Amino acid sequence: MSKKFTPTPHDSVFKQFLSEKETAQDFFDIWLPDEIKALCDFDSLKVESGSFIHSDMKNYQSDILYSVNTQQEKGYIYLLIEHQSTPDKLMAWRLMRYSMAAMQKHLEAGHKKLPLVFPILFYCGKKSPHPYSTDWLDCFSGRDIAEKIYTKPFKLVDVTTLEDDEIMKHKRMALLELVQKHIRRRDMTELMNEIVTLLSYNYYTDNQVITMFNYLIQEGNAQKPMEFITEIAKQSEKHEGALMTIAQALRQEGKQEGYQLGKNDGVQEGKLEGEKQASMKIARQLLEKGVERDIVKLSTGLTDTEMSNLFKD
């Protein structure tokens, strides 16, 4: 019976050999495609520190990551050994994961573009030949649609280019798209008629409406937010109560006072304090009306500590 002096002998011998630069150069000279070799300056080849193998796979696989200068900029060649006696059907996906991890490490080092990563699977299992595809798209149950998704530009929904008339036809997405299209560019009072129309369709829950109008208060540029919300509330029977809760809080304290302090006295601290008090007032009233805590926190921008202190004397 043979005795294993190391827990992963295949791993150890592979790393010992491939950690030597000259050995690695020979390996790449044999196994890299010509078009990849043509990009590489092998005099700059070096082993990178760190591993991208998940902890629960440590006993089964070993990875060595090399960096090499290319004609464009610093790039990576990624080499992985897989030495299981039973090969892994999803190994191609794991190679993709490791490649992305190397790309992320490259970005974290301060680079602005992704590097090329060329994964290689070195197989020495009992079953021969290696029985599974090394094309990661074959790991999907529907390869055809996966190939269409991941080999073409991703879908872009750019609301800044959509016509308002088109947005108004987008049913339950219309309010979100309309507001986020204009939130940085227009006085929200100019959209009052469209907003009232969309609310009349009864597409939205009170939580959605409350979140949206708190967003309008915080990020929008309505000159008179309290009057704006009050007018919409009068024309939106279903959501009148939720909207009036926000309007009343604005009327009573905080937001208007904070803006006035900042305007008349030039006191930025007064503005910020007024905004904070308004957010806390709104949050208390929304919680009392049964709005979910996470929704209140998201819509008001309060911290966990501030939320916990809302009802303390």
C-alpha atoms as a PDB file:
ATOM      1  CA  MET A   1       0.000   0.000   0.000  1.00  0.00           C
ATOM      2  CA  SER A   2       1.423   3.350  -0.981  1.00  0.00           C
ATOM      3  CA  LYS A   3       1.666   6.082   1.593  1.00  0.00           C
ATOM      4  CA  LYS A   4       0.678   9.661   0.753  1.00  0.00           C
ATOM      5  CA  PHE A   5       3.116  12.093   2.351  1.00  0.00           C
ATOM      6  CA  THR A   6       1.012  15.081   1.281  1.00  0.00           C
ATOM      7  CA  PRO A   7      -2.798  15.307   1.407  1.00  0.00           C
ATOM      8  CA  THR A   8      -2.982  16.320  -2.262  1.00  0.00           C
ATOM      9  CA  PRO A   9       0.039  14.797  -4.053  1.00  0.00           C
ATOM     10  CA  HIS A  10      -1.206  15.645  -7.561  1.00  0.00           C
ATOM     11  CA  ASP A  11      -1.602  19.245  -6.469  1.00  0.00           C
ATOM     12  CA  SER A  12       1.844  19.424  -4.890  1.00  0.00           C
ATOM     13  CA  VAL A  13       3.806  17.956  -7.776  1.00  0.00           C
ATOM     14  CA  PHE A  14       1.981  20.079 -10.326  1.00  0.00           C
ATOM     15  CA  LYS A  15       2.576  23.277  -8.393  1.00  0.00           C
ATOM     16  CA  GLN A  16       6.214  22.406  -7.784  1.00  0.00           C
ATOM     17  CA  PHE A  17       6.846  21.997 -11.487  1.00  0.00           C
ATOM     18  CA  LEU A  18       4.717  24.832 -12.818  1.00  0.00           C
ATOM     19  CA  SER A  19       5.932  27.354 -10.271  1.00  0.00           C
ATOM     20  CA  GLU A  20       9.255  27.354 -12.122  1.00  0.00           C
ATOM     21  CA  LYS A  21       9.155  30.020 -14.815  1.00  0.00           C
ATOM     22  CA  GLU A  22      11.058  28.002 -17.422  1.00  0.00           C
ATOM     23  CA  THR A  23       8.759  24.997 -16.966  1.00  0.00           C
ATOM     24  CA  ALA A  24       5.688  27.205 -17.276  1.00  0.00           C
ATOM     25  CA  GLN A  25       7.086  28.758 -20.449  1.00  0.00           C
ATOM     26  CA  ASP A  26       7.477  25.321 -21.982  1.00  0.00           C
ATOM     27  CA  PHE A  27       3.953  24.406 -20.942  1.00  0.00           C
ATOM     28  CA  PHE A  28       2.480  27.503 -22.555  1.00  0.00           C
ATOM     29  CA  ASP A  29       4.590  27.097 -25.654  1.00  0.00           C
ATOM     30  CA  ILE A  30       3.103  23.634 -26.128  1.00  0.00           C
ATOM     31  CA  TRP A  31      -0.509  24.267 -25.202  1.00  0.00           C
ATOM     32  CA  LEU A  32      -1.435  27.880 -25.927  1.00  0.00           C
ATOM     33  CA  PRO A  33      -3.006  28.712 -29.297  1.00  0.00           C
ATOM     34  CA  ASP A  34      -0.712  30.652 -31.605  1.00  0.00           C
ATOM     35  CA  GLU A  35      -2.868  33.793 -31.529  1.00  0.00           C
ATOM     36  CA  ILE A  36      -2.628  33.923 -27.731  1.00  0.00           C
ATOM     37  CA  LYS A  37       1.115  33.249 -27.703  1.00  0.00           C
ATOM     38  CA  ALA A  38       1.590  36.079 -30.175  1.00  0.00           C
ATOM     39  CA  LEU A  39       0.154  38.503 -27.608  1.00  0.00           C
ATOM     40  CA  CYS A  40       2.481  37.486 -24.785  1.00  0.00           C
ATOM     41  CA  ASP A  41       5.915  38.589 -23.669  1.00  0.00           C
ATOM     42  CA  PHE A  42       6.978  35.434 -21.842  1.00  0.00           C
ATOM     43  CA  ASP A  43      10.026  37.142 -20.332  1.00  0.00           C
ATOM     44  CA  SER A  44       7.520  38.948 -18.083  1.00  0.00           C
ATOM     45  CA  LEU A  45       5.769  35.742 -16.989  1.00  0.00           C
ATOM     46  CA  LYS A  46       5.296  35.394 -13.226  1.00  0.00           C
ATOM     47  CA  VAL A  47       3.130  33.469 -10.799  1.00  0.00           C
ATOM     48  CA  GLU A  48       0.522  35.645  -9.094  1.00  0.00           C
ATOM     49  CA  SER A  49      -0.177  35.139  -5.409  1.00  0.00           C
ATOM     50  CA  GLY A  50      -3.591  34.200  -4.141  1.00  0.00           C
ATOM     51  CA  SER A  51      -6.114  31.559  -5.049  1.00  0.00           C
ATOM     52  CA  PHE A  52      -9.545  31.774  -6.579  1.00  0.00           C
ATOM     53  CA  ILE A  53     -10.692  28.304  -5.616  1.00  0.00           C
ATOM     54  CA  HIS A  54     -13.671  28.214  -3.276  1.00  0.00           C
ATOM     55  CA  SER A  55     -12.888  26.724   0.143  1.00  0.00           C
ATOM     56  CA  ASP A  56     -15.189  23.742  -0.298  1.00  0.00           C
ATOM     57  CA  MET A  57     -13.231  22.719  -3.421  1.00  0.00           C
ATOM     58  CA  LYS A  58      -9.741  22.978  -1.942  1.00  0.00           C
ATOM     59  CA  ASN A  59      -9.350  19.233  -1.525  1.00  0.00           C
ATOM     60  CA  TYR A  60     -10.120  18.540  -5.146  1.00  0.00           C
ATOM     61  CA  GLN A  61      -8.523  21.208  -7.292  1.00  0.00           C
ATOM     62  CA  SER A  62      -5.457  23.395  -7.532  1.00  0.00           C
ATOM     63  CA  ASP A  63      -4.959  26.604  -9.385  1.00  0.00           C
ATOM     64  CA  ILE A  64      -1.965  28.635 -10.486  1.00  0.00           C
ATOM     65  CA  LEU A  65      -2.477  32.122 -11.849  1.00  0.00           C
ATOM     66  CA  TYR A  66       0.183  33.655 -14.072  1.00  0.00           C
ATOM     67  CA  SER A  67       0.453  37.231 -15.302  1.00  0.00           C
ATOM     68  CA  VAL A  68       2.241  38.160 -18.482  1.00  0.00           C
ATOM     69  CA  ASN A  69       2.673  41.493 -20.246  1.00  0.00           C
ATOM     70  CA  THR A  70       0.901  41.724 -23.565  1.00  0.00           C
ATOM     71  CA  GLN A  71       1.094  44.099 -26.488  1.00  0.00           C
ATOM     72  CA  GLN A  72      -1.807  46.142 -25.105  1.00  0.00           C
ATOM     73  CA  GLU A  73      -1.421  46.177 -21.318  1.00  0.00           C
ATOM     74  CA  LYS A  74      -0.923  43.804 -18.418  1.00  0.00           C
ATOM     75  CA  GLY A  75      -3.022  40.695 -18.945  1.00  0.00           C
ATOM     76  CA  TYR A  76      -3.498  37.397 -17.216  1.00  0.00           C
ATOM     77  CA  ILE A  77      -3.117  33.818 -18.272  1.00  0.00           C
ATOM     78  CA  TYR A  78      -5.009  31.547 -15.946  1.00  0.00           C
ATOM     79  CA  LEU A  79      -4.047  27.891 -15.543  1.00  0.00           C
ATOM     80  CA  LEU A  80      -5.969  25.350 -13.509  1.00  0.00           C
ATOM     81  CA  ILE A  81      -5.314  21.683 -12.778  1.00  0.00           C
ATOM     82  CA  GLU A  82      -8.269  19.391 -12.170  1.00  0.00           C
ATOM     83  CA  HIS A  83      -7.167  16.040 -10.759  1.00  0.00           C
ATOM     84  CA  GLN A  84     -10.323  14.285  -9.648  1.00  0.00           C
ATOM     85  CA  SER A  85     -10.688  10.662 -10.585  1.00  0.00           C
ATOM     86  CA  THR A  86     -14.299  11.471 -11.455  1.00  0.00           C
ATOM     87  CA  PRO A  87     -14.351  14.531 -13.724  1.00  0.00           C
ATOM     88  CA  ASP A  88     -16.701  17.412 -12.984  1.00  0.00           C
ATOM     89  CA  LYS A  89     -19.446  18.029 -15.527  1.00  0.00           C
ATOM     90  CA  LEU A  90     -19.547  21.729 -14.558  1.00  0.00           C
ATOM     91  CA  MET A  91     -15.791  22.281 -14.683  1.00  0.00           C
ATOM     92  CA  ALA A  92     -16.152  24.697 -17.600  1.00  0.00           C
ATOM     93  CA  TRP A  93     -18.380  26.885 -15.439  1.00  0.00           C
ATOM     94  CA  ARG A  94     -15.840  26.776 -12.625  1.00  0.00           C
ATOM     95  CA  LEU A  95     -13.144  27.872 -15.040  1.00  0.00           C
ATOM     96  CA  MET A  96     -15.351  30.798 -16.002  1.00  0.00           C
ATOM     97  CA  ARG A  97     -15.822  31.704 -12.337  1.00  0.00           C
ATOM     98  CA  TYR A  98     -12.088  31.607 -11.716  1.00  0.00           C
ATOM     99  CA  SER A  99     -11.458  33.729 -14.798  1.00  0.00           C
ATOM    100  CA  MET A 100     -13.911  36.351 -13.556  1.00  0.00           C
ATOM    101  CA  ALA A 101     -12.249  36.320 -10.146  1.00  0.00           C
ATOM    102  CA  ALA A 102      -8.921  37.059 -11.823  1.00  0.00           C
ATOM    103  CA  MET A 103     -10.536  39.894 -13.753  1.00  0.00           C
ATOM    104  CA  GLN A 104     -11.939  41.338 -10.536  1.00  0.00           C
ATOM    105  CA  LYS A 105      -8.519  41.171  -8.879  1.00  0.00           C
ATOM    106  CA  HIS A 106      -7.095  43.073 -11.851  1.00  0.00           C
ATOM    107  CA  LEU A 107      -9.691  45.848 -11.426  1.00  0.00           C
ATOM    108  CA  GLU A 108      -9.093  46.036  -7.680  1.00  0.00           C
ATOM    109  CA  ALA A 109      -5.417  46.658  -8.414  1.00  0.00           C
ATOM    110  CA  GLY A 110      -6.436  49.923 -10.061  1.00  0.00           C
ATOM    111  CA  HIS A 111      -6.778  48.967 -13.720  1.00  0.00           C
ATOM    112  CA  LYS A 112      -9.672  50.466 -15.679  1.00  0.00           C
ATOM    113  CA  LYS A 113     -10.326  47.699 -18.194  1.00  0.00           C
ATOM    114  CA  LEU A 114     -10.760  43.965 -17.925  1.00  0.00           C
ATOM    115  CA  PRO A 115      -7.768  41.792 -18.775  1.00  0.00           C
ATOM    116  CA  LEU A 116      -7.787  38.795 -21.060  1.00  0.00           C
ATOM    117  CA  VAL A 117      -7.918  35.577 -19.078  1.00  0.00           C
ATOM    118  CA  PHE A 118      -7.160  32.297 -20.822  1.00  0.00           C
ATOM    119  CA  PRO A 119      -8.175  29.274 -18.724  1.00  0.00           C
ATOM    120  CA  ILE A 120      -6.618  25.866 -19.325  1.00  0.00           C
ATOM    121  CA  LEU A 121      -7.810  22.619 -17.803  1.00  0.00           C
ATOM    122  CA  PHE A 122      -5.010  20.124 -17.109  1.00  0.00           C
ATOM    123  CA  TYR A 123      -6.712  16.793 -16.570  1.00  0.00           C
ATOM    124  CA  CYS A 124      -5.207  13.638 -15.101  1.00  0.00           C
ATOM    125  CA  GLY A 125      -8.199  11.706 -13.838  1.00  0.00           C
ATOM    126  CA  LYS A 126      -8.765   7.962 -13.992  1.00  0.00           C
ATOM    127  CA  LYS A 127     -11.444   8.229 -16.649  1.00  0.00           C
ATOM    128  CA  SER A 128      -9.967   8.752 -20.101  1.00  0.00           C
ATOM    129  CA  PRO A 129     -10.448  10.766 -22.161  1.00  0.00           C
ATOM    130  CA  HIS A 130     -11.954  13.717 -20.275  1.00  0.00           C
ATOM    131  CA  PRO A 131     -15.665  13.165 -20.950  1.00  0.00           C
ATOM    132  CA  TYR A 132     -17.172  16.658 -20.687  1.00  0.00           C
ATOM    133  CA  SER A 133     -17.188  19.817 -22.746  1.00  0.00           C
ATOM    134  CA  THR A 134     -14.892  22.699 -21.773  1.00  0.00           C
ATOM    135  CA  ASP A 135     -17.298  25.184 -23.352  1.00  0.00           C
ATOM    136  CA  TRP A 136     -19.058  26.835 -20.409  1.00  0.00           C
ATOM    137  CA  LEU A 137     -22.183  27.453 -22.493  1.00  0.00           C
ATOM    138  CA  ASP A 138     -22.682  23.684 -22.576  1.00  0.00           C
ATOM    139  CA  CYS A 139     -23.276  23.862 -18.817  1.00  0.00           C
ATOM    140  CA  PHE A 140     -26.720  25.379 -19.471  1.00  0.00           C
ATOM    141  CA  SER A 141     -29.775  23.219 -19.992  1.00  0.00           C
ATOM    142  CA  GLY A 142     -30.679  25.465 -22.927  1.00  0.00           C
ATOM    143  CA  ARG A 143     -27.430  26.175 -24.727  1.00  0.00           C
ATOM    144  CA  ASP A 144     -29.009  27.935 -27.716  1.00  0.00           C
ATOM    145  CA  ILE A 145     -30.670  30.677 -25.679  1.00  0.00           C
ATOM    146  CA  ALA A 146     -27.650  30.957 -23.343  1.00  0.00           C
ATOM    147  CA  GLU A 147     -25.424  31.576 -26.347  1.00  0.00           C
ATOM    148  CA  LYS A 148     -27.734  34.338 -27.557  1.00  0.00           C
ATOM    149  CA  ILE A 149     -27.716  35.977 -24.122  1.00  0.00           C
ATOM    150  CA  TYR A 150     -24.019  35.762 -23.302  1.00  0.00           C
ATOM    151  CA  THR A 151     -22.391  36.348 -26.671  1.00  0.00           C
ATOM    152  CA  LYS A 152     -24.291  39.556 -27.484  1.00  0.00           C
ATOM    153  CA  PRO A 153     -24.573  42.971 -25.801  1.00  0.00           C
ATOM    154  CA  PHE A 154     -26.838  42.939 -22.769  1.00  0.00           C
ATOM    155  CA  LYS A 155     -30.273  44.479 -22.990  1.00  0.00           C
ATOM    156  CA  LEU A 156     -30.316  48.208 -22.219  1.00  0.00           C
ATOM    157  CA  VAL A 157     -33.409  50.005 -20.917  1.00  0.00           C
ATOM    158  CA  ASP A 158     -32.469  53.686 -21.285  1.00  0.00           C
ATOM    159  CA  VAL A 159     -35.456  55.652 -20.012  1.00  0.00           C
ATOM    160  CA  THR A 160     -33.727  58.937 -20.852  1.00  0.00           C
ATOM    161  CA  THR A 161     -34.337  58.259 -24.556  1.00  0.00           C
ATOM    162  CA  LEU A 162     -37.990  57.191 -24.314  1.00  0.00           C
ATOM    163  CA  GLU A 163     -40.831  59.505 -25.292  1.00  0.00           C
ATOM    164  CA  ASP A 164     -43.242  60.278 -22.453  1.00  0.00           C
ATOM    165  CA  ASP A 165     -46.174  59.056 -24.553  1.00  0.00           C
ATOM    166  CA  GLU A 166     -44.479  55.692 -24.929  1.00  0.00           C
ATOM    167  CA  ILE A 167     -43.724  55.491 -21.205  1.00  0.00           C
ATOM    168  CA  MET A 168     -47.361  56.189 -20.362  1.00  0.00           C
ATOM    169  CA  LYS A 169     -48.270  52.910 -22.080  1.00  0.00           C
ATOM    170  CA  HIS A 170     -45.979  50.826 -19.888  1.00  0.00           C
ATOM    171  CA  LYS A 171     -48.642  49.915 -17.337  1.00  0.00           C
ATOM    172  CA  ARG A 172     -47.249  49.291 -13.845  1.00  0.00           C
ATOM    173  CA  MET A 173     -43.743  50.390 -14.855  1.00  0.00           C
ATOM    174  CA  ALA A 174     -44.903  53.755 -16.203  1.00  0.00           C
ATOM    175  CA  LEU A 175     -44.738  55.789 -12.979  1.00  0.00           C
ATOM    176  CA  LEU A 176     -41.245  54.571 -12.115  1.00  0.00           C
ATOM    177  CA  GLU A 177     -39.929  55.153 -15.631  1.00  0.00           C
ATOM    178  CA  LEU A 178     -41.509  58.588 -16.001  1.00  0.00           C
ATOM    179  CA  VAL A 179     -40.227  59.913 -12.695  1.00  0.00           C
ATOM    180  CA  GLN A 180     -36.736  58.501 -13.069  1.00  0.00           C
ATOM    181  CA  LYS A 181     -36.469  59.871 -16.595  1.00  0.00           C
ATOM    182  CA  HIS A 182     -37.125  63.425 -15.398  1.00  0.00           C
ATOM    183  CA  ILE A 183     -36.025  63.434 -11.738  1.00  0.00           C
ATOM    184  CA  ARG A 184     -32.758  65.254 -12.485  1.00  0.00           C
ATOM    185  CA  ARG A 185     -33.931  67.374 -15.376  1.00  0.00           C
ATOM    186  CA  ARG A 186     -37.381  68.854 -14.741  1.00  0.00           C
ATOM    187  CA  ASP A 187     -39.505  70.433 -12.046  1.00  0.00           C
ATOM    188  CA  MET A 188     -41.736  67.547 -11.036  1.00  0.00           C
ATOM    189  CA  THR A 189     -44.801  69.813 -10.933  1.00  0.00           C
ATOM    190  CA  GLU A 190     -44.645  69.836 -14.744  1.00  0.00           C
ATOM    191  CA  LEU A 191     -45.524  66.133 -14.646  1.00  0.00           C
ATOM    192  CA  MET A 192     -48.544  66.498 -12.363  1.00  0.00           C
ATOM    193  CA  ASN A 193     -51.137  65.594 -15.000  1.00  0.00           C
ATOM    194  CA  GLU A 194     -49.243  62.485 -16.089  1.00  0.00           C
ATOM    195  CA  ILE A 195     -48.704  61.352 -12.500  1.00  0.00           C
ATOM    196  CA  VAL A 196     -52.393  61.845 -11.632  1.00  0.00           C
ATOM    197  CA  THR A 197     -53.382  59.893 -14.740  1.00  0.00           C
ATOM    198  CA  LEU A 198     -51.122  56.974 -13.838  1.00  0.00           C
ATOM    199  CA  LEU A 199     -52.363  56.891 -10.236  1.00  0.00           C
ATOM    200  CA  SER A 200     -55.950  56.781 -11.507  1.00  0.00           C
ATOM    201  CA  TYR A 201     -55.289  53.388 -13.109  1.00  0.00           C
ATOM    202  CA  ASN A 202     -55.005  51.810  -9.628  1.00  0.00           C
ATOM    203  CA  TYR A 203     -51.832  49.996 -10.620  1.00  0.00           C
ATOM    204  CA  TYR A 204     -49.885  50.826  -7.470  1.00  0.00           C
ATOM    205  CA  THR A 205     -49.909  49.904  -3.808  1.00  0.00           C
ATOM    206  CA  ASP A 206     -49.757  52.553  -1.078  1.00  0.00           C
ATOM    207  CA  ASN A 207     -46.247  51.381  -0.226  1.00  0.00           C
ATOM    208  CA  GLN A 208     -45.122  51.990  -3.801  1.00  0.00           C
ATOM    209  CA  VAL A 209     -46.733  55.436  -3.870  1.00  0.00           C
ATOM    210  CA  ILE A 210     -45.251  56.444  -0.517  1.00  0.00           C
ATOM    211  CA  THR A 211     -41.807  55.283  -1.579  1.00  0.00           C
ATOM    212  CA  MET A 212     -42.086  57.153  -4.867  1.00  0.00           C
ATOM    213  CA  PHE A 213     -43.169  60.453  -3.342  1.00  0.00           C
ATOM    214  CA  ASN A 214     -40.533  60.337  -0.646  1.00  0.00           C
ATOM    215  CA  TYR A 215     -38.076  59.801  -3.487  1.00  0.00           C
ATOM    216  CA  LEU A 216     -39.521  62.852  -5.244  1.00  0.00           C
ATOM    217  CA  ILE A 217     -39.070  64.926  -2.093  1.00  0.00           C
ATOM    218  CA  GLN A 218     -35.487  63.841  -1.558  1.00  0.00           C
ATOM    219  CA  GLU A 219     -34.197  63.822  -5.128  1.00  0.00           C
ATOM    220  CA  GLY A 220     -36.625  65.927  -7.149  1.00  0.00           C
ATOM    221  CA  ASN A 221     -36.650  69.669  -7.714  1.00  0.00           C
ATOM    222  CA  ALA A 222     -40.288  70.595  -7.150  1.00  0.00           C
ATOM    223  CA  GLN A 223     -40.333  74.216  -5.958  1.00  0.00           C
ATOM    224  CA  LYS A 224     -43.238  73.648  -3.568  1.00  0.00           C
ATOM    225  CA  PRO A 225     -43.280  69.946  -2.666  1.00  0.00           C
ATOM    226  CA  MET A 226     -46.040  70.192  -0.046  1.00  0.00           C
ATOM    227  CA  GLU A 227     -48.441  71.920  -2.447  1.00  0.00           C
ATOM    228  CA  PHE A 228     -47.432  69.519  -5.208  1.00  0.00           C
ATOM    229  CA  ILE A 229     -48.238  66.417  -3.154  1.00  0.00           C
ATOM    230  CA  THR A 230     -51.420  67.919  -1.717  1.00  0.00           C
ATOM    231  CA  GLU A 231     -52.778  68.668  -5.183  1.00  0.00           C
ATOM    232  CA  ILE A 232     -52.022  65.151  -6.411  1.00  0.00           C
ATOM    233  CA  ALA A 233     -53.660  63.705  -3.275  1.00  0.00           C
ATOM    234  CA  LYS A 234     -56.876  65.629  -4.003  1.00  0.00           C
ATOM    235  CA  GLN A 235     -57.042  64.029  -7.449  1.00  0.00           C
ATOM    236  CA  SER A 236     -56.028  60.506  -6.387  1.00  0.00           C
ATOM    237  CA  GLU A 237     -58.827  59.007  -4.358  1.00  0.00           C
ATOM    238  CA  LYS A 238     -57.216  55.627  -3.755  1.00  0.00           C
ATOM    239  CA  HIS A 239     -53.920  57.054  -2.478  1.00  0.00           C
ATOM    240  CA  GLU A 240     -55.222  60.256  -0.890  1.00  0.00           C
ATOM    241  CA  GLY A 241     -54.563  59.101   2.673  1.00  0.00           C
ATOM    242  CA  ALA A 242     -50.998  58.012   2.021  1.00  0.00           C
ATOM    243  CA  LEU A 243     -50.161  61.194   0.119  1.00  0.00           C
ATOM    244  CA  MET A 244     -51.744  63.484   2.693  1.00  0.00           C
ATOM    245  CA  THR A 245     -49.625  61.844   5.388  1.00  0.00           C
ATOM    246  CA  ILE A 246     -46.523  63.032   3.563  1.00  0.00           C
ATOM    247  CA  ALA A 247     -47.967  66.469   2.815  1.00  0.00           C
ATOM    248  CA  GLN A 248     -49.002  67.022   6.428  1.00  0.00           C
ATOM    249  CA  ALA A 249     -45.553  66.131   7.678  1.00  0.00           C
ATOM    250  CA  LEU A 250     -44.034  68.629   5.252  1.00  0.00           C
ATOM    251  CA  ARG A 251     -46.502  71.281   6.339  1.00  0.00           C
ATOM    252  CA  GLN A 252     -46.003  70.782  10.051  1.00  0.00           C
ATOM    253  CA  GLU A 253     -42.252  70.814  10.314  1.00  0.00           C
ATOM    254  CA  GLY A 254     -38.901  70.187   8.840  1.00  0.00           C
ATOM    255  CA  LYS A 255     -38.640  70.289   5.087  1.00  0.00           C
ATOM    256  CA  GLN A 256     -40.042  73.760   4.418  1.00  0.00           C
ATOM    257  CA  GLU A 257     -38.416  75.195   7.530  1.00  0.00           C
ATOM    258  CA  GLY A 258     -35.058  73.719   6.577  1.00  0.00           C
ATOM    259  CA  TYR A 259     -35.181  75.191   3.106  1.00  0.00           C
ATOM    260  CA  GLN A 260     -36.192  78.589   4.461  1.00  0.00           C
ATOM    261  CA  LEU A 261     -33.325  78.616   6.975  1.00  0.00           C
ATOM    262  CA  GLY A 262     -30.860  77.752   4.247  1.00  0.00           C
ATOM    263  CA  LYS A 263     -32.285  80.398   1.932  1.00  0.00           C
ATOM    264  CA  ASN A 264     -32.605  83.341   4.344  1.00  0.00           C
ATOM    265  CA  ASP A 265     -29.640  82.847   6.655  1.00  0.00           C
ATOM    266  CA  GLY A 266     -27.261  80.883   4.511  1.00  0.00           C
ATOM    267  CA  VAL A 267     -27.162  78.213   7.211  1.00  0.00           C
ATOM    268  CA  GLN A 268     -26.590  74.849   5.536  1.00  0.00           C
ATOM    269  CA  GLU A 269     -26.804  73.106   8.888  1.00  0.00           C
ATOM    270  CA  GLY A 270     -30.331  74.414   9.311  1.00  0.00           C
ATOM    271  CA  LYS A 271     -31.344  73.015   5.952  1.00  0.00           C
ATOM    272  CA  LEU A 272     -29.910  69.606   6.701  1.00  0.00           C
ATOM    273  CA  GLU A 273     -31.449  69.500  10.165  1.00  0.00           C
ATOM    274  CA  GLY A 274     -34.818  70.501   8.745  1.00  0.00           C
ATOM    275  CA  GLU A 275     -34.625  67.739   6.163  1.00  0.00           C
ATOM    276  CA  LYS A 276     -33.692  65.193   8.831  1.00  0.00           C
ATOM    277  CA  GLN A 277     -36.567  66.215  11.101  1.00  0.00           C
ATOM    278  CA  ALA A 278     -38.967  66.002   8.169  1.00  0.00           C
ATOM    279  CA  SER A 279     -37.758  62.508   7.299  1.00  0.00           C
ATOM    280  CA  MET A 280     -38.188  61.378  10.921  1.00  0.00           C
ATOM    281  CA  LYS A 281     -41.680  62.882  11.105  1.00  0.00           C
ATOM    282  CA  ILE A 282     -42.700  61.155   7.895  1.00  0.00           C
ATOM    283  CA  ALA A 283     -41.187  57.869   9.058  1.00  0.00           C
ATOM    284  CA  ARG A 284     -43.131  57.931  12.340  1.00  0.00           C
ATOM    285  CA  GLN A 285     -46.414  58.578  10.581  1.00  0.00           C
ATOM    286  CA  LEU A 286     -45.818  55.912   7.955  1.00  0.00           C
ATOM    287  CA  LEU A 287     -44.965  53.321  10.602  1.00  0.00           C
ATOM    288  CA  GLU A 288     -48.098  54.229  12.538  1.00  0.00           C
ATOM    289  CA  LYS A 289     -50.098  53.608   9.353  1.00  0.00           C
ATOM    290  CA  GLY A 290     -48.604  50.126   9.068  1.00  0.00           C
ATOM    291  CA  VAL A 291     -46.131  50.724   6.262  1.00  0.00           C
ATOM    292  CA  GLU A 292     -43.358  48.127   6.316  1.00  0.00           C
ATOM    293  CA  ARG A 293     -40.213  49.189   8.182  1.00  0.00           C
ATOM    294  CA  ASP A 294     -37.892  48.429   5.257  1.00  0.00           C
ATOM    295  CA  ILE A 295     -40.049  50.539   2.940  1.00  0.00           C
ATOM    296  CA  VAL A 296     -39.998  53.436   5.412  1.00  0.00           C
ATOM    297  CA  LYS A 297     -36.242  53.194   5.844  1.00  0.00           C
ATOM    298  CA  LEU A 298     -35.651  53.072   2.096  1.00  0.00           C
ATOM    299  CA  SER A 299     -37.960  55.963   1.284  1.00  0.00           C
ATOM    300  CA  THR A 300     -36.767  58.305   4.050  1.00  0.00           C
ATOM    301  CA  GLY A 301     -33.071  57.517   3.988  1.00  0.00           C
ATOM    302  CA  LEU A 302     -32.869  57.059   7.762  1.00  0.00           C
ATOM    303  CA  THR A 303     -30.267  54.807   9.338  1.00  0.00           C
ATOM    304  CA  ASP A 304     -31.076  51.774  11.492  1.00  0.00           C
ATOM    305  CA  THR A 305     -30.189  53.775  14.603  1.00  0.00           C
ATOM    306  CA  GLU A 306     -32.426  56.663  13.594  1.00  0.00           C
ATOM    307  CA  MET A 307     -35.264  54.249  12.857  1.00  0.00           C
ATOM    308  CA  SER A 308     -34.848  52.652  16.285  1.00  0.00           C
ATOM    309  CA  ASN A 309     -34.994  56.059  17.984  1.00  0.00           C
ATOM    310  CA  LEU A 310     -38.138  57.293  16.246  1.00  0.00           C
ATOM    311  CA  PHE A 311     -40.498  56.646  19.153  1.00  0.00           C
ATOM    312  CA  LYS A 312     -38.141  57.407  22.014  1.00  0.00           C
ATOM    313  CA  ASP A 313     -38.791  60.448  24.129  1.00  0.00           C
END
